Amino acid sequence: MLVKPKIRELLDKIEQMKPYLASIGYKLNQANTREAMANMAYLYMTDYNKMLFTLDDVVMNGHYPVPIRIYHPQPGTPLPVAIFIHGGGHMAGGITVYDGIVRKLSATINHIVISIDYRLAPEFAYPTGIEDSKAAIRGVFKVLEERKIAYTNRELTLIGDSAGAAVCSSIAMDKEFVVVEQIKKQVLIYPSVDYTLSSPSFAQYGSGYLLEKSKIAWYFGSYFQHNEDRKAASPVYGEFYVGMPQTLVVVASHDPLIAEGMAYYQNVINVGVNAELLKIDGVVHAYLMLENLCKEECDVTYQEINKFLLK
């Protein structure tokens, strides 16, 4: 299966720019990385309900107020609750960048969705983003009750894409936290779950497919700043256990992270926990942000997430 033609056009334009950028000594930094991701979402993710109800709030992590945004597709109606943790290599992304995706997700799955604006590297290294997300999860029902937003029960679903899926799956490895917070399901969208950069799919898709191995290495170098054991921090090498959340793993056919996502799915299956694997053909990493170039594939993804959550 080839990459979809409209995505191939974008990839070709990026490849054509590489020699020029190299000739002028272009350097990645957190500012241009964040701006590039925001621009991609702004240009290619435009078909969503801009009137879907939202409410901003904060949850404290120690002395730091973690921003959250509450999305509600049917204000006044009690609905299940899901947590969304955004991607961006632990360095980019945020509530605003992912606003369209979360609006569409909330409307499709008919859940109250809480999007977390966790702190980013390099300003805030590992594990700050995980701890911010845990704090937000601990405080979410208190916020909903304070705002008089009714929900059906206290069970939670975690949904994350890319680095956000890394955060979700890291949280899922904390057995006590999962039990106390009643995390029943997780949805991992093109997950980054192996910080060792040893995934076999890097050989085929590590260059020329939007997300590149060299950039991933740069992301990880900015995230891990204190000589952490990256294998120990990688969810795919963690302790999988009976009682962990039921899991849907979504992978993109032309993504350097596809192999590690499939390995994570298999690890969940191996401990006897329900897991499903959804492979989307003809697309690259972060394709939900490229919706105008692959609308059918994005629609299928949202619908399959909904089906998984209804089971």
Protein backbone atom coordinates (compact mmCIF):
# COMPACT_ATOMS: atom_id res chain seq x y z
CA MET A 1 0.00 0.00 0.00
CA LEU A 2 1.39 3.36 -1.05
CA VAL A 3 1.01 6.58 0.87
CA LYS A 4 -2.13 8.45 -0.17
CA PRO A 5 -1.42 10.86 -3.07
CA LYS A 6 -2.20 14.08 -1.17
CA ILE A 7 0.06 13.03 1.70
CA ARG A 8 2.77 12.05 -0.79
CA GLU A 9 2.62 15.56 -2.26
CA LEU A 10 3.24 17.04 1.19
CA LEU A 11 6.09 14.63 1.89
CA ASP A 12 7.70 15.47 -1.46
CA LYS A 13 7.55 19.20 -0.69
CA ILE A 14 9.24 18.59 2.67
CA GLU A 15 11.98 16.52 1.01
CA GLN A 16 12.58 19.27 -1.55
CA MET A 17 13.17 21.77 1.26
CA LYS A 18 15.78 19.68 3.08
CA PRO A 19 18.85 20.61 0.99
CA TYR A 20 18.13 24.33 1.34
CA LEU A 21 17.56 24.10 5.08
CA ALA A 22 20.81 22.16 5.43
CA SER A 23 22.67 24.78 3.39
CA ILE A 24 21.65 27.59 5.74
CA GLY A 25 22.34 25.60 8.89
CA TYR A 26 18.72 25.37 10.01
CA LYS A 27 18.46 24.30 13.65
CA LEU A 28 15.57 22.77 15.53
CA ASN A 29 14.49 24.43 18.74
CA GLN A 30 11.39 24.31 20.89
CA ALA A 31 9.93 27.48 19.33
CA ASN A 32 10.08 26.44 15.67
CA THR A 33 9.06 22.88 16.52
CA ARG A 34 5.95 24.06 18.37
CA GLU A 35 5.09 26.53 15.64
CA ALA A 36 5.45 23.93 12.89
CA MET A 37 3.08 21.56 14.67
CA ALA A 38 0.54 24.30 15.32
CA ASN A 39 0.68 25.39 11.68
CA MET A 40 0.15 21.82 10.47
CA ALA A 41 -3.00 21.47 12.57
CA TYR A 42 -4.24 24.92 11.48
CA LEU A 43 -3.80 24.11 7.79
CA TYR A 44 -4.94 20.51 7.58
CA MET A 45 -7.39 19.91 10.46
CA THR A 46 -10.33 22.24 9.80
CA ASP A 47 -13.50 20.10 9.68
CA TYR A 48 -14.89 20.09 13.22
CA ASN A 49 -17.68 21.59 15.31
CA LYS A 50 -16.36 24.91 16.52
CA MET A 51 -19.51 25.39 18.60
CA LEU A 52 -19.13 22.25 20.71
CA PHE A 53 -19.27 23.31 24.36
CA THR A 54 -15.95 23.78 26.15
CA LEU A 55 -14.92 25.07 29.55
CA ASP A 56 -11.37 25.84 30.72
CA ASP A 57 -10.12 25.20 34.25
CA VAL A 58 -6.99 24.16 36.15
CA VAL A 59 -6.00 21.32 38.47
CA MET A 60 -3.15 21.86 40.90
CA ASN A 61 -0.01 19.73 40.77
CA GLY A 62 1.69 20.97 43.90
CA HIS A 63 2.09 24.70 43.33
CA TYR A 64 1.57 24.48 39.56
CA PRO A 65 -1.90 24.98 38.03
CA VAL A 66 -2.22 22.43 35.19
CA PRO A 67 -4.57 23.86 32.52
CA ILE A 68 -7.36 21.59 31.35
CA ARG A 69 -10.18 22.02 28.84
CA ILE A 70 -13.48 20.22 29.29
CA TYR A 71 -15.34 19.25 26.10
CA HIS A 72 -19.03 18.32 26.36
CA PRO A 73 -21.02 17.29 23.26
CA GLN A 74 -24.38 17.35 25.11
CA PRO A 75 -24.32 19.98 27.87
CA GLY A 76 -26.70 19.06 30.68
CA THR A 77 -26.64 15.33 29.86
CA PRO A 78 -24.59 12.98 32.08
CA LEU A 79 -21.96 11.23 29.95
CA PRO A 80 -18.90 8.99 30.51
CA VAL A 81 -15.54 10.72 31.00
CA ALA A 82 -12.35 10.37 28.97
CA ILE A 83 -8.96 12.01 29.45
CA PHE A 84 -7.05 13.20 26.37
CA ILE A 85 -3.26 13.58 26.50
CA HIS A 86 -1.79 15.26 23.44
CA GLY A 87 1.26 14.37 21.39
CA GLY A 88 4.23 16.42 20.20
CA GLY A 89 7.35 14.52 21.23
CA HIS A 90 7.00 15.77 24.83
CA MET A 91 8.10 19.15 23.43
CA ALA A 92 5.19 20.52 21.40
CA GLY A 93 1.42 20.41 21.15
CA GLY A 94 -1.12 21.58 23.69
CA ILE A 95 -4.80 22.25 24.27
CA THR A 96 -5.03 24.83 21.47
CA VAL A 97 -3.11 22.80 18.89
CA TYR A 98 -5.26 19.72 19.51
CA ASP A 99 -8.54 21.58 19.93
CA GLY A 100 -10.03 20.44 16.62
CA ILE A 101 -9.07 16.81 17.14
CA VAL A 102 -10.52 16.73 20.66
CA ARG A 103 -13.72 18.44 19.55
CA LYS A 104 -14.17 15.80 16.87
CA LEU A 105 -13.26 13.01 19.28
CA SER A 106 -15.70 14.21 21.95
CA ALA A 107 -18.55 14.49 19.43
CA THR A 108 -17.88 11.06 17.94
CA ILE A 109 -17.47 9.05 21.15
CA ASN A 110 -20.15 11.08 23.01
CA HIS A 111 -17.96 11.49 26.09
CA ILE A 112 -17.02 14.40 28.28
CA VAL A 113 -13.36 14.72 27.28
CA ILE A 114 -10.78 16.52 29.40
CA SER A 115 -7.69 17.67 27.50
CA ILE A 116 -4.57 18.20 29.63
CA ASP A 117 -2.01 20.94 28.95
CA TYR A 118 0.90 19.26 30.71
CA ARG A 119 4.29 20.99 30.89
CA LEU A 120 6.77 20.37 28.08
CA ALA A 121 10.48 19.73 27.61
CA PRO A 122 13.09 21.11 27.47
CA GLU A 123 11.83 23.57 30.08
CA PHE A 124 10.30 20.71 32.08
CA ALA A 125 11.99 17.35 31.69
CA TYR A 126 10.81 13.80 32.37
CA PRO A 127 8.68 12.93 34.31
CA THR A 128 6.96 16.33 34.76
CA GLY A 129 4.43 15.72 31.99
CA ILE A 130 3.43 12.40 33.49
CA GLU A 131 3.03 13.89 36.95
CA ASP A 132 0.99 16.83 35.62
CA SER A 133 -1.28 14.36 33.83
CA LYS A 134 -1.71 12.23 36.94
CA ALA A 135 -2.60 15.30 38.98
CA ALA A 136 -5.21 16.30 36.42
CA ILE A 137 -6.68 12.79 36.43
CA ARG A 138 -6.88 12.78 40.23
CA GLY A 139 -8.69 16.10 40.24
CA VAL A 140 -10.99 15.77 37.26
CA PHE A 141 -14.17 14.69 39.03
CA LYS A 142 -13.78 17.40 41.66
CA VAL A 143 -13.63 19.99 38.87
CA LEU A 144 -16.67 18.51 37.12
CA GLU A 145 -18.64 18.56 40.36
CA GLU A 146 -17.61 22.14 41.12
CA ARG A 147 -18.78 23.18 37.64
CA LYS A 148 -22.02 21.17 38.07
CA ILE A 149 -21.20 18.98 35.06
CA ALA A 150 -22.93 15.63 35.53
CA TYR A 151 -21.22 12.38 34.53
CA THR A 152 -22.48 8.80 34.39
CA ASN A 153 -19.86 7.14 36.62
CA ARG A 154 -16.31 7.54 37.91
CA GLU A 155 -14.72 5.14 35.43
CA LEU A 156 -12.15 6.70 33.11
CA THR A 157 -10.79 6.12 29.64
CA LEU A 158 -7.33 7.45 28.72
CA ILE A 159 -6.76 8.55 25.13
CA GLY A 160 -3.42 9.77 23.85
CA ASP A 161 -1.59 10.16 20.58
CA SER A 162 2.15 9.76 19.97
CA ALA A 163 3.96 11.14 23.04
CA GLY A 164 0.56 11.50 24.69
CA ALA A 165 0.08 7.78 24.21
CA ALA A 166 3.48 7.32 25.87
CA VAL A 167 2.15 9.25 28.87
CA CYS A 168 -1.10 7.23 28.89
CA SER A 169 0.70 3.91 28.71
CA SER A 170 3.19 4.99 31.38
CA ILE A 171 0.29 5.84 33.69
CA ALA A 172 -1.32 2.48 32.88
CA MET A 173 1.77 0.74 34.28
CA ASP A 174 1.05 2.22 37.73
CA LYS A 175 -1.19 -0.55 39.08
CA GLU A 176 -2.30 1.28 42.21
CA PHE A 177 -3.11 4.48 40.32
CA VAL A 178 -5.15 2.53 37.74
CA VAL A 179 -7.22 0.88 40.48
CA VAL A 180 -7.76 4.01 42.57
CA GLU A 181 -8.68 6.20 39.58
CA GLN A 182 -10.77 3.44 37.95
CA ILE A 183 -9.01 3.59 34.59
CA LYS A 184 -10.78 0.89 32.58
CA LYS A 185 -9.69 1.52 29.00
CA GLN A 186 -6.93 3.24 27.05
CA VAL A 187 -6.71 4.26 23.41
CA LEU A 188 -3.17 4.68 22.08
CA ILE A 189 -3.00 6.45 18.72
CA TYR A 190 0.28 5.89 16.83
CA PRO A 191 1.97 5.47 20.22
CA SER A 192 5.57 6.27 21.10
CA VAL A 193 6.30 3.57 23.67
CA ASP A 194 9.99 2.73 23.14
CA TYR A 195 12.59 5.33 24.14
CA THR A 196 15.53 3.12 23.11
CA LEU A 197 15.13 3.98 19.39
CA SER A 198 15.47 0.29 18.55
CA SER A 199 12.17 -0.24 16.76
CA PRO A 200 12.66 -2.30 13.56
CA SER A 201 10.33 -0.04 11.55
CA PHE A 202 12.87 2.80 11.73
CA ALA A 203 14.80 1.06 8.94
CA GLN A 204 11.90 1.43 6.51
CA TYR A 205 10.15 4.58 7.69
CA GLY A 206 12.77 6.49 9.70
CA SER A 207 13.32 9.10 6.99
CA GLY A 208 11.02 10.72 4.47
CA TYR A 209 7.71 10.01 6.23
CA LEU A 210 7.13 13.22 8.21
CA LEU A 211 8.33 11.91 11.59
CA GLU A 212 12.02 11.06 11.30
CA LYS A 213 14.33 9.04 13.53
CA SER A 214 16.76 11.96 13.88
CA LYS A 215 14.00 14.23 15.16
CA ILE A 216 12.72 11.56 17.55
CA ALA A 217 16.24 11.25 18.97
CA TRP A 218 16.31 15.02 19.45
CA TYR A 219 12.93 14.94 21.19
CA PHE A 220 14.09 12.22 23.57
CA GLY A 221 17.37 13.99 24.28
CA SER A 222 15.41 17.06 25.33
CA TYR A 223 12.98 15.03 27.44
CA PHE A 224 15.47 12.87 29.34
CA GLN A 225 17.98 15.24 30.92
CA HIS A 226 19.31 13.30 33.91
CA ASN A 227 20.74 10.08 32.44
CA GLU A 228 17.56 8.12 33.07
CA ASP A 229 17.36 4.47 32.06
CA ARG A 230 15.38 4.93 28.86
CA LYS A 231 14.50 1.25 28.54
CA ALA A 232 13.06 1.26 32.07
CA ALA A 233 11.05 4.37 31.16
CA SER A 234 9.66 2.77 27.98
CA PRO A 235 6.11 1.44 28.41
CA VAL A 236 6.66 -1.36 25.88
CA TYR A 237 9.26 -2.89 28.23
CA GLY A 238 7.16 -2.38 31.35
CA GLU A 239 5.33 -4.91 33.48
CA PHE A 240 2.10 -5.86 31.73
CA TYR A 241 -0.44 -7.31 34.14
CA VAL A 242 -3.90 -8.78 34.51
CA GLY A 243 -6.17 -5.92 35.43
CA MET A 244 -4.48 -3.28 33.29
CA PRO A 245 -6.83 -1.19 31.12
CA GLN A 246 -8.35 -2.75 28.05
CA THR A 247 -6.44 -1.31 25.12
CA LEU A 248 -6.99 -0.14 21.56
CA VAL A 249 -3.78 0.54 19.64
CA VAL A 250 -4.06 2.55 16.42
CA VAL A 251 -1.07 2.41 14.06
CA ALA A 252 -0.30 4.16 10.77
CA SER A 253 1.07 2.04 7.93
CA HIS A 254 3.98 4.38 7.08
CA ASP A 255 5.07 5.37 10.57
CA PRO A 256 8.50 4.69 12.10
CA LEU A 257 6.64 3.90 15.35
CA ILE A 258 4.40 1.19 13.88
CA ALA A 259 6.45 -1.76 15.13
CA GLU A 260 6.57 -0.60 18.74
CA GLY A 261 2.82 0.05 18.72
CA MET A 262 2.20 -3.48 17.47
CA ALA A 263 4.60 -4.88 20.08
CA TYR A 264 2.73 -3.07 22.85
CA TYR A 265 -0.57 -4.50 21.59
CA GLN A 266 0.90 -8.01 21.63
CA ASN A 267 2.20 -7.54 25.18
CA VAL A 268 -1.31 -6.66 26.37
CA ILE A 269 -2.74 -9.71 24.63
CA ASN A 270 -0.05 -11.91 26.18
CA VAL A 271 -1.23 -11.18 29.74
CA GLY A 272 -4.83 -12.01 28.86
CA VAL A 273 -6.23 -8.48 28.76
CA ASN A 274 -8.57 -7.48 25.96
CA ALA A 275 -6.75 -5.52 23.26
CA GLU A 276 -7.50 -4.51 19.70
CA LEU A 277 -5.20 -3.34 16.92
CA LEU A 278 -6.36 -0.92 14.23
CA LYS A 279 -3.98 -0.41 11.31
CA ILE A 280 -4.75 2.52 9.01
CA ASP A 281 -3.24 2.10 5.54
CA GLY A 282 -1.79 4.82 3.31
CA VAL A 283 -1.05 7.30 6.10
CA VAL A 284 1.87 8.58 8.15
CA HIS A 285 2.43 9.50 11.78
CA ALA A 286 0.14 12.27 13.07
CA TYR A 287 -2.33 11.74 10.23
CA LEU A 288 -5.23 12.99 12.37
CA MET A 289 -3.62 16.43 12.01
CA LEU A 290 -3.59 15.95 8.24
CA GLU A 291 -7.30 15.23 8.00
CA ASN A 292 -7.90 17.33 4.88
CA LEU A 293 -5.44 15.01 3.09
CA CYS A 294 -6.93 11.74 4.38
CA LYS A 295 -10.49 12.37 5.56
CA GLU A 296 -11.79 8.83 5.09
CA GLU A 297 -8.97 7.35 7.17
CA CYS A 298 -9.55 9.88 9.95
CA ASP A 299 -13.29 9.21 9.98
CA VAL A 300 -12.65 5.46 10.27
CA THR A 301 -10.28 6.09 13.18
CA TYR A 302 -12.79 8.12 15.20
CA GLN A 303 -15.56 5.60 14.49
CA GLU A 304 -13.43 2.63 15.51
CA ILE A 305 -12.47 4.36 18.75
CA ASN A 306 -16.17 4.86 19.40
CA LYS A 307 -16.91 1.18 18.73
CA PHE A 308 -14.15 0.12 21.13
CA LEU A 309 -15.50 2.33 23.90
CA LEU A 310 -19.05 1.04 23.43
CA LYS A 311 -18.00 -2.58 24.07
